[in-house]
Protein backbone atom coordinates (compact mmCIF):
# COMPACT_ATOMS: atom_id res chain seq x y z
CA MET A 1 0.00 0.00 0.00
CA LYS A 2 1.33 3.44 -0.93
CA ILE A 3 2.05 5.64 2.07
CA THR A 4 0.76 9.24 1.84
CA GLY A 5 1.14 12.36 3.92
CA ASN A 6 -1.98 11.44 5.87
CA GLU A 7 -0.16 8.53 7.46
CA LEU A 8 2.70 10.79 8.52
CA ILE A 9 0.25 13.29 10.00
CA ALA A 10 -1.46 10.46 11.88
CA LEU A 11 1.94 9.62 13.40
CA GLY A 12 2.13 13.16 14.80
CA TYR A 13 4.23 14.93 12.14
CA GLN A 14 3.37 18.38 10.85
CA PRO A 15 3.47 18.83 7.04
CA LYS A 16 6.92 20.15 6.13
CA LYS A 17 9.20 20.41 3.11
CA TRP A 18 10.79 17.05 3.98
CA PHE A 19 7.46 15.21 3.53
CA ALA A 20 7.94 14.69 -0.23
CA GLU A 21 11.47 13.31 0.12
CA ALA A 22 10.48 11.06 3.03
CA LEU A 23 7.41 9.66 1.26
CA GLU A 24 9.46 8.92 -1.85
CA TYR A 25 12.06 7.04 0.23
CA ILE A 26 9.43 5.08 2.22
CA ASN A 27 7.52 3.98 -0.87
CA GLU A 28 10.55 3.19 -3.02
CA ASN A 29 11.99 1.00 -0.28
CA ASP A 30 8.62 -0.49 0.71
CA LEU A 31 9.35 0.07 4.40
CA SER A 32 7.37 -1.86 7.00
CA GLN A 33 5.50 0.07 9.67
CA ALA A 34 8.31 -0.42 12.17
CA GLU A 35 10.99 0.50 9.62
CA MET A 36 9.03 3.58 8.57
CA GLU A 37 8.62 4.77 12.15
CA ALA A 38 12.33 4.26 12.84
CA TYR A 39 13.24 6.16 9.67
CA LEU A 40 10.91 9.05 10.51
CA GLU A 41 12.43 9.60 13.96
CA GLN A 42 15.12 11.80 12.38
CA PHE A 43 12.41 14.28 11.42
CA ARG A 44 10.63 14.39 14.76
CA ALA A 45 10.76 17.88 16.21
CA PRO A 46 12.01 18.21 19.79
CA ASP A 47 9.54 19.18 22.48
CA PRO A 48 8.75 22.90 22.40
CA ILE A 49 10.96 25.08 24.58
CA PRO A 50 8.74 26.65 27.25
CA LEU A 51 9.01 30.13 28.69
CA LYS A 52 10.96 30.28 31.95
CA GLU A 53 8.77 30.04 35.02
CA ASN A 54 10.72 32.82 36.69
CA ALA A 55 12.32 35.81 35.03
CA GLU A 56 16.11 35.87 34.90
CA ASP A 57 17.66 38.51 37.14
CA PHE A 58 18.39 41.90 35.62
CA VAL A 59 20.09 44.98 37.04
CA ILE A 60 18.01 48.14 37.49
CA ASN A 61 20.10 51.28 36.92
CA ILE A 62 17.17 53.69 36.87
CA LYS A 63 14.96 55.41 39.41
CA ALA A 64 12.13 57.91 39.26
CA GLU A 65 13.26 61.43 40.09
CA ASN A 66 9.72 62.82 40.15
CA GLU A 67 6.08 61.79 39.90
CA ALA A 68 6.06 62.06 36.10
CA GLU A 69 8.82 59.47 35.85
CA GLU A 70 7.27 56.97 38.26
CA ASP A 71 4.90 55.48 35.68
CA ASN A 72 7.67 55.21 33.11
CA VAL A 73 10.04 53.41 35.50
CA GLN A 74 7.37 50.95 36.62
CA LYS A 75 6.50 50.15 33.00
CA VAL A 76 10.09 49.44 31.96
CA ILE A 77 10.63 47.20 34.98
CA LYS A 78 7.40 45.31 34.29
CA THR A 79 8.18 44.81 30.60
CA MET A 80 11.65 43.51 31.53
CA GLU A 81 10.12 41.06 33.99
CA VAL A 82 8.05 39.57 31.17
CA LEU A 83 10.89 39.78 28.65
CA MET A 84 13.36 37.97 30.90
CA LYS A 85 11.24 34.81 30.80
CA THR A 86 12.30 34.33 27.17
CA PRO A 87 14.07 30.93 27.05
CA THR A 88 17.37 32.14 25.56
CA LEU A 89 18.06 34.98 28.00
CA VAL A 90 20.60 34.69 30.81
CA SER A 91 20.96 38.27 32.11
CA GLY A 92 19.95 41.87 31.49
CA ALA A 93 20.17 45.49 32.61
CA LEU A 94 18.18 48.72 32.47
CA MET A 95 19.88 52.07 31.85
CA PRO A 96 18.85 55.46 33.30
CA ASP A 97 17.38 56.54 29.96
CA ALA A 98 15.06 53.52 29.70
CA CYS A 99 11.52 53.92 28.35
CA PRO A 100 8.90 51.43 27.08
CA THR A 101 8.49 50.95 23.32
CA GLY A 102 5.48 48.70 22.86
CA PRO A 103 3.43 45.92 24.41
CA GLU A 104 4.43 44.38 27.72
CA GLY A 105 7.33 41.98 27.22
CA GLN A 106 8.95 43.96 24.39
CA ILE A 107 12.49 45.14 25.07
CA PRO A 108 12.50 48.79 26.20
CA VAL A 109 14.77 51.48 24.87
CA GLY A 110 17.65 51.57 27.33
CA GLY A 111 17.53 47.80 27.81
CA VAL A 112 20.39 45.32 27.47
CA VAL A 113 19.73 41.57 27.38
CA VAL A 114 22.15 38.68 26.93
CA ALA A 115 21.07 35.59 24.95
CA LYS A 116 22.91 32.30 24.70
CA ASN A 117 23.52 31.12 21.12
CA ALA A 118 20.62 33.19 19.77
CA ILE A 119 20.04 36.40 17.84
CA HIS A 120 16.74 38.23 18.40
CA PRO A 121 15.96 40.63 15.51
CA GLY A 122 13.20 42.25 17.56
CA PHE A 123 15.75 43.33 20.15
CA HIS A 124 17.63 45.56 17.68
CA SER A 125 14.43 46.57 15.81
CA ALA A 126 14.28 48.15 12.35
CA ASP A 127 16.83 50.87 13.12
CA ILE A 128 19.76 48.43 13.09
CA CYS A 129 23.08 49.95 14.14
CA CYS A 130 21.71 53.32 15.17
CA SER A 131 25.01 55.00 15.99
CA VAL A 132 26.98 58.19 16.57
CA MET A 133 30.17 59.46 14.92
CA LEU A 134 32.39 62.38 15.96
CA THR A 135 34.91 64.27 13.83
CA ASP A 136 37.28 66.86 15.31
CA PHE A 137 37.50 69.88 12.96
CA GLY A 138 40.08 71.77 15.03
CA LYS A 139 39.88 75.52 15.56
CA VAL A 140 37.19 76.23 12.97
CA ASP A 141 34.19 78.51 13.50
CA PRO A 142 31.30 76.17 14.45
CA LYS A 143 28.89 78.16 12.26
CA VAL A 144 31.12 77.51 9.25
CA VAL A 145 31.05 73.78 10.00
CA LEU A 146 27.28 73.74 10.53
CA ASP A 147 26.68 75.66 7.29
CA ALA A 148 28.93 73.28 5.34
CA ALA A 149 27.27 70.24 6.90
CA HIS A 150 23.82 71.64 6.11
CA SER A 151 24.75 71.77 2.43
CA THR A 152 26.03 68.18 2.37
CA THR A 153 23.75 66.11 4.63
CA HIS A 154 20.25 64.90 3.80
CA PHE A 155 17.20 64.19 5.99
CA GLY A 156 13.70 62.96 5.22
CA TYR A 157 11.94 60.10 3.46
CA GLY A 158 13.47 58.12 0.63
CA GLY A 159 17.02 58.29 -0.67
CA ARG A 160 19.03 60.87 -2.53
CA ALA A 161 18.01 61.69 -6.10
CA ARG A 162 20.14 60.44 -8.97
CA GLY A 163 23.04 62.79 -9.52
CA GLU A 164 23.14 63.62 -5.82
CA GLN A 165 23.94 60.16 -4.49
CA MET A 166 27.04 59.41 -2.45
CA PRO A 167 28.90 56.28 -3.61
CA MET A 168 28.63 52.95 -1.82
CA SER A 169 31.86 50.96 -1.98
CA ILE A 170 32.06 48.17 -4.57
CA GLU A 171 33.52 45.83 -1.93
CA LEU A 172 30.46 46.29 0.27
CA MET A 173 28.04 45.74 -2.62
CA ASP A 174 29.87 42.52 -3.51
CA ALA A 175 29.69 41.38 0.11
CA PHE A 176 25.92 42.06 0.15
CA ARG A 177 25.51 39.78 -2.88
CA GLU A 178 27.29 36.93 -1.11
CA ASN A 179 24.92 36.96 1.90
CA MET A 180 21.61 35.07 1.84
CA PHE A 181 19.78 37.92 3.61
CA LEU A 182 21.26 40.81 1.60
CA ASN A 183 21.54 39.24 -1.85
CA ASP A 184 18.64 41.25 -3.18
CA GLU A 185 19.18 43.72 -6.01
CA ARG A 186 16.31 45.93 -4.86
CA LEU A 187 17.82 46.10 -1.36
CA ILE A 188 21.25 46.88 -2.83
CA SER A 189 19.74 49.62 -5.00
CA ILE A 190 18.12 51.13 -1.90
CA ALA A 191 21.43 50.88 -0.03
CA ARG A 192 23.09 52.89 -2.80
CA SER A 193 20.43 55.61 -2.86
CA HIS A 194 20.29 55.87 0.95
CA MET A 195 24.04 56.39 1.38
CA GLY A 196 24.55 59.83 2.90
CA ILE A 197 21.06 60.25 4.39
CA GLN A 198 20.09 60.58 8.04
CA GLY A 199 16.35 59.94 7.99
CA ASP A 200 13.99 61.47 10.52
CA GLY A 201 12.88 61.13 14.15
CA ASN A 202 15.59 61.78 16.73
CA HIS A 203 18.47 61.60 14.26
CA PHE A 204 20.61 64.70 14.06
CA LEU A 205 23.77 66.48 13.00
CA PHE A 206 25.23 68.35 15.98
CA VAL A 207 28.08 70.88 16.08
CA GLY A 208 29.72 72.01 19.28
CA ILE A 209 32.94 72.89 21.10
CA SER A 210 35.08 70.46 23.11
CA LYS A 211 35.17 71.52 26.76
CA ASN A 212 38.74 70.17 27.04
CA THR A 213 40.35 71.47 23.83
CA GLY A 214 38.11 74.22 22.46
CA ASN A 215 38.05 72.42 19.10
CA THR A 216 34.94 72.36 16.95
CA MET A 217 33.42 68.90 16.71
CA MET A 218 30.64 67.48 14.57
CA VAL A 219 28.52 64.55 15.72
CA THR A 220 26.05 62.65 13.55
CA HIS A 221 23.36 60.29 14.83
CA HIS A 222 21.50 57.83 12.61
CA GLY A 223 21.28 54.14 11.75
CA SER A 224 21.10 51.92 8.70
CA ARG A 225 18.00 53.50 7.17
CA ALA A 226 16.01 51.43 4.62
CA PRO A 227 18.66 48.69 4.08
CA GLY A 228 18.65 47.93 7.80
CA ALA A 229 14.86 47.99 7.94
CA ALA A 230 14.74 45.49 5.06
CA LEU A 231 17.16 43.16 6.87
CA TYR A 232 15.09 43.45 10.04
CA ASP A 233 11.91 42.43 8.18
CA LYS A 234 13.65 39.38 6.73
CA GLY A 235 15.20 38.49 10.07
CA MET A 236 11.87 38.66 11.89
CA LYS A 237 10.24 36.34 9.36
CA VAL A 238 13.00 33.76 9.76
CA ALA A 239 12.98 34.13 13.55
CA ASN A 240 9.23 33.56 13.70
CA ARG A 241 9.50 30.44 11.57
CA PHE A 242 11.92 29.07 14.15
CA ARG A 243 9.68 30.27 16.99
CA GLU A 244 6.67 28.40 15.61
CA ASP A 245 8.70 25.18 15.61
CA ILE A 246 10.79 25.44 18.74
CA SER A 247 9.09 27.85 21.15
CA PRO A 248 5.53 28.83 20.16
CA ASP A 249 4.85 30.31 23.61
CA THR A 250 7.53 32.95 23.06
CA LEU A 251 6.12 36.36 22.09
CA LYS A 252 6.41 37.06 18.35
CA GLU A 253 8.48 40.18 18.97
CA ASN A 254 10.94 38.10 21.03
CA ALA A 255 11.48 35.35 18.44
CA TRP A 256 15.05 34.29 17.80
CA ILE A 257 17.30 32.74 15.16
CA PRO A 258 19.48 29.98 16.65
CA PHE A 259 23.05 31.05 15.95
CA GLU A 260 24.27 27.51 15.28
CA THR A 261 22.20 27.22 12.10
CA GLU A 262 22.88 28.29 8.53
CA GLU A 263 20.38 31.11 8.96
CA GLY A 264 21.90 32.20 12.28
CA GLU A 265 25.43 32.49 10.94
CA ALA A 266 24.23 34.25 7.79
CA TYR A 267 22.17 36.72 9.82
CA TRP A 268 25.13 37.50 12.06
CA GLU A 269 27.24 38.19 8.97
CA ALA A 270 24.44 40.34 7.51
CA LEU A 271 24.41 42.42 10.71
CA GLN A 272 28.16 43.03 10.34
CA LEU A 273 27.68 44.14 6.74
CA ILE A 274 24.86 46.51 7.70
CA ARG A 275 27.18 47.83 10.41
CA LYS A 276 29.84 48.54 7.75
CA TRP A 277 27.24 50.24 5.56
CA THR A 278 26.13 52.46 8.44
CA LYS A 279 29.67 53.45 9.32
CA GLU A 280 30.33 54.22 5.64
CA ASN A 281 27.16 56.34 5.65
CA HIS A 282 28.38 58.43 8.60
CA GLU A 283 31.82 58.79 7.00
CA ALA A 284 30.31 59.96 3.71
CA ILE A 285 28.60 62.92 5.43
CA HIS A 286 31.62 63.80 7.58
CA ASN A 287 34.05 63.54 4.67
CA ALA A 288 31.84 65.65 2.40
CA THR A 289 31.77 68.38 5.07
CA LEU A 290 35.56 68.28 5.43
CA GLU A 291 35.96 68.48 1.65
CA LYS A 292 33.55 71.41 1.48
CA LEU A 293 35.84 73.28 3.88
CA ASN A 294 39.05 71.89 2.35
CA ILE A 295 40.43 70.76 5.72
CA GLU A 296 41.69 67.51 7.26
CA LYS A 297 40.14 65.90 10.32
CA LEU A 298 42.13 65.88 13.56
CA ASP A 299 40.36 62.88 15.05
CA ARG A 300 37.34 60.64 14.52
CA TYR A 301 35.58 57.87 16.41
CA TRP A 302 32.18 56.25 16.51
CA ASN A 303 30.06 53.69 18.26
CA GLU A 304 26.71 52.07 17.67
CA HIS A 305 24.13 51.94 20.47
CA ASN A 306 21.39 49.81 18.92
CA PHE A 307 22.96 46.54 17.88
CA VAL A 308 23.92 42.98 18.78
CA PHE A 309 27.38 42.32 20.21
CA ARG A 310 29.02 38.92 20.58
CA ASP A 311 31.27 37.42 23.23
CA GLY A 312 31.72 33.72 22.51
CA ASP A 313 28.30 32.05 22.62
CA LEU A 314 26.70 35.07 24.33
CA PHE A 315 24.92 37.70 22.24
CA TYR A 316 24.44 41.07 23.92
CA HIS A 317 21.42 42.88 22.50
CA ALA A 318 21.55 46.62 23.22
CA LYS A 319 18.30 48.38 22.45
CA GLY A 320 19.62 51.89 23.01
CA ALA A 321 22.73 51.36 25.14
CA THR A 322 26.33 52.45 24.56
CA PRO A 323 28.93 49.65 24.45
CA LEU A 324 31.89 50.38 26.74
CA ASP A 325 33.88 47.14 26.67
CA ASP A 326 36.44 47.06 23.84
CA LYS A 327 35.55 43.41 23.12
CA PHE A 328 32.28 44.58 21.60
CA LEU A 329 33.86 46.89 19.00
CA PRO A 330 36.23 45.40 16.39
CA ASP A 331 37.32 48.80 15.06
CA ILE A 332 37.60 50.82 18.27
CA THR A 333 39.60 54.04 17.82
CA GLY A 334 38.48 56.25 20.70
CA PRO A 335 36.05 56.81 23.58
CA ARG A 336 32.26 56.54 23.33
CA LEU A 337 29.55 59.14 22.75
CA ILE A 338 26.31 59.78 24.67
CA PRO A 339 24.11 62.57 23.25
CA LEU A 340 21.41 63.98 25.55
CA ASN A 341 19.39 66.66 23.75
CA MET A 342 20.13 69.56 21.39
CA ALA A 343 20.59 72.02 24.28
CA GLU A 344 22.92 69.78 26.28
CA PRO A 345 26.50 68.60 25.70
CA VAL A 346 27.29 65.35 23.93
CA LEU A 347 29.12 63.34 26.58
CA ILE A 348 32.42 61.70 25.70
CA VAL A 349 32.82 58.71 28.00
CA SER A 350 34.98 55.72 28.80
CA GLY A 351 34.47 52.71 31.02
CA ALA A 352 34.62 48.97 31.46
CA THR A 353 32.38 46.07 32.39
CA ASN A 354 31.30 46.00 36.03
CA ASP A 355 28.67 44.17 38.05
CA ARG A 356 25.96 46.72 37.20
CA ASN A 357 26.40 47.66 33.55
CA LEU A 358 27.14 44.41 31.63
CA GLY A 359 29.69 46.50 29.72
CA PHE A 360 27.23 49.23 28.64
CA ALA A 361 26.17 52.80 29.47
CA PRO A 362 23.09 54.87 28.56
CA HIS A 363 22.75 56.06 24.97
CA GLY A 364 20.94 59.36 25.59
CA ALA A 365 18.26 61.02 27.66
CA GLY A 366 15.24 58.85 26.81
CA ARG A 367 11.59 59.93 27.05
CA ASN A 368 8.96 59.87 29.77
CA PHE A 369 6.07 60.53 27.40
CA SER A 370 5.16 59.68 23.82
CA ARG A 371 5.56 62.29 21.11
CA GLY A 372 1.80 62.80 21.03
CA GLN A 373 1.53 63.22 24.80
CA HIS A 374 4.35 65.75 24.77
CA LYS A 375 2.73 67.79 22.00
CA ARG A 376 -0.59 67.82 23.81
CA SER A 377 1.07 69.04 27.01
CA LEU A 378 2.30 72.12 25.12
CA ALA A 379 -0.91 72.84 23.23
CA HIS A 380 -1.41 76.13 25.12
CA LYS A 381 1.64 77.61 23.32
CA THR A 382 2.40 78.20 19.67
CA THR A 383 5.10 76.16 17.96
CA GLU A 384 7.15 79.33 17.47
CA GLU A 385 6.93 80.21 21.18
CA ILE A 386 8.06 76.74 22.22
CA PHE A 387 10.94 76.80 19.74
CA ALA A 388 12.14 80.24 20.86
CA GLU A 389 12.06 79.27 24.55
CA GLU A 390 13.85 75.93 24.18
CA THR A 391 16.53 76.83 21.64
CA ALA A 392 17.56 80.27 22.91
CA GLY A 393 21.23 80.92 22.14
CA LEU A 394 21.52 77.94 19.79
CA ASP A 395 21.61 77.63 16.01
CA VAL A 396 18.93 74.95 15.60
CA ARG A 397 17.72 74.08 12.11
CA PHE A 398 15.15 71.69 10.67
CA PHE A 399 15.92 70.27 7.24
CA THR A 400 12.29 70.51 6.12
CA ASN A 401 11.97 74.01 7.63
CA ASP A 402 9.05 72.66 9.68
CA ILE A 403 9.68 72.70 13.44
CA ASP A 404 9.26 69.33 15.16
CA ILE A 405 8.50 70.16 18.80
CA SER A 406 8.64 66.44 19.70
CA GLU A 407 12.43 66.70 19.31
CA LEU A 408 12.97 69.82 21.41
CA PRO A 409 14.66 69.45 24.82
CA SER A 410 11.44 69.28 26.86
CA ALA A 411 10.46 66.11 24.97
CA TYR A 412 13.24 64.22 26.74
CA LYS A 413 14.07 63.23 30.28
CA ASN A 414 15.93 65.72 32.43
CA ALA A 415 19.53 65.44 31.24
CA GLN A 416 20.94 66.32 34.67
CA ASN A 417 19.04 63.44 36.24
CA VAL A 418 20.41 61.01 33.66
CA ARG A 419 23.95 62.27 34.32
CA ALA A 420 23.44 61.97 38.08
CA GLN A 421 22.28 58.36 37.72
CA ILE A 422 25.25 57.52 35.47
CA GLU A 423 27.46 58.60 38.37
CA GLU A 424 25.30 57.04 41.11
CA TYR A 425 25.30 53.61 39.45
CA ASN A 426 28.95 53.85 38.34
CA LEU A 427 28.09 53.13 34.72
CA CYS A 428 30.91 55.05 33.00
CA GLU A 429 33.25 58.05 33.33
CA ILE A 430 32.65 61.36 31.54
CA ILE A 431 36.04 62.47 30.14
CA ASP A 432 34.95 65.38 27.91
CA GLU A 433 31.86 67.20 26.70
CA VAL A 434 30.95 68.71 23.34
CA LEU A 435 29.21 71.94 24.34
CA PRO A 436 26.32 72.75 21.97
CA TYR A 437 26.54 75.39 19.26
CA GLY A 438 23.71 74.13 17.05
CA CYS A 439 22.24 71.20 15.20
CA ILE A 440 20.22 70.06 12.22
CA MET A 441 17.29 67.64 12.48
CA ALA A 442 14.77 66.38 9.96
CA GLY A 443 11.87 68.51 11.13
CA ASP A 444 8.18 67.65 10.92
CA VAL A 445 8.43 65.22 7.99
CA GLN A 446 4.74 64.31 8.32
CA LYS A 447 3.57 67.83 7.48
CA ASN A 448 4.52 67.68 3.82
CA ALA A 449 5.10 63.93 3.42
CA PRO A 450 5.22 62.73 -0.21
CA TRP A 451 1.93 60.82 0.09
CA LYS A 452 0.20 63.91 1.50
CA LYS A 453 1.44 65.99 -1.44
CA LYS A 454 0.08 63.37 -3.87
CA LYS A 455 -3.28 63.33 -2.07
CA LYS A 456 -3.49 67.13 -2.17
CA PHE A 457 -2.60 67.14 -5.88
CA ARG A 458 -5.35 64.57 -6.64
CA LYS A 459 -7.91 66.74 -4.82
């Protein structure tokens, strides 16, 4: 009698790609019932991995400084308590700038979690390798640097237009084509057009003066833009296929790719390539500004703060946390950077792993309220009044020329409180500060978004 898939299902197997091959082998070799069952054992899935009954311990390096922060702190602790029941996780930490980002159990901004032999795409999110780069321009007028940078950088939706694109290295394009996640000509085309752009949201180009040297320094903040978002989408799909097989009780946003699989190793390599693309993107903007002024840089360093870092079989997922330990950065050339808000210094820090920080520090000031809540709290003032009050003495520009009040200083946690908690919890050492002169941000990109212009034109 010919064996069909129904017999395999009756034995407890779920229909999979291997069904066709197995059925062909069983029928060609006319296996007995016992022989068939013995042969099929190789395809039997292991028992599902359950969630941990108790959350793994995590270090809390945050406290509420006022009533407004109490709700925020309780939410990030609660979401970590749910998150830390994920089967792969062995430890974690919360930073002083922590804030919730979604449903309970989703990693908060300002969270660090360590997974054993697993990469969780949801823990780095779509903004893979969000990072900061500093270039020392020496004794140059900061306005001159900001003006030059304004003419070379690019914010907003989409990529640069043809004729205005900054080149992506041939070596990097070739490496993309050799990776199973990045070997996609549409993705590579997007990577080329998005080189030299900074996007929107809290990404910025900041110019200020070193407190130690008096030199003018430029700091950029952005991630991997559309190429990184495309990799994230692919990674989440693969991770959820694994989750359905090996740990269906795990939350979808916490799904993982086992590192010791073909997909796991390829995804790790894809992350490193997106990291190289992002660094190249920062460098393109910094180098174009230097060329505009016809000067040479005195120094440069960078670090990501939204990425996955590896130490043996442990994968440190930093969702908005600055890596301090040199083992996390293969191309380390200087200290680390922690921006706070446009009216505060960018902190230049150093440090090492201790029993509280897992080798990380905060990545910024964080938020206590959503963008919408913040805007509603200021509804009694005009946008112009808010802007004038919060940027007095600074040269603050928005690329779209539309002020985004959700990125002004009051939208963020109190920077002094964050600094005080860095010191209280011994997270890192502040070795210099870039005192603010001015900055460029995207602006209110929703106001005149491309789809809104098209809708208005149709009307």
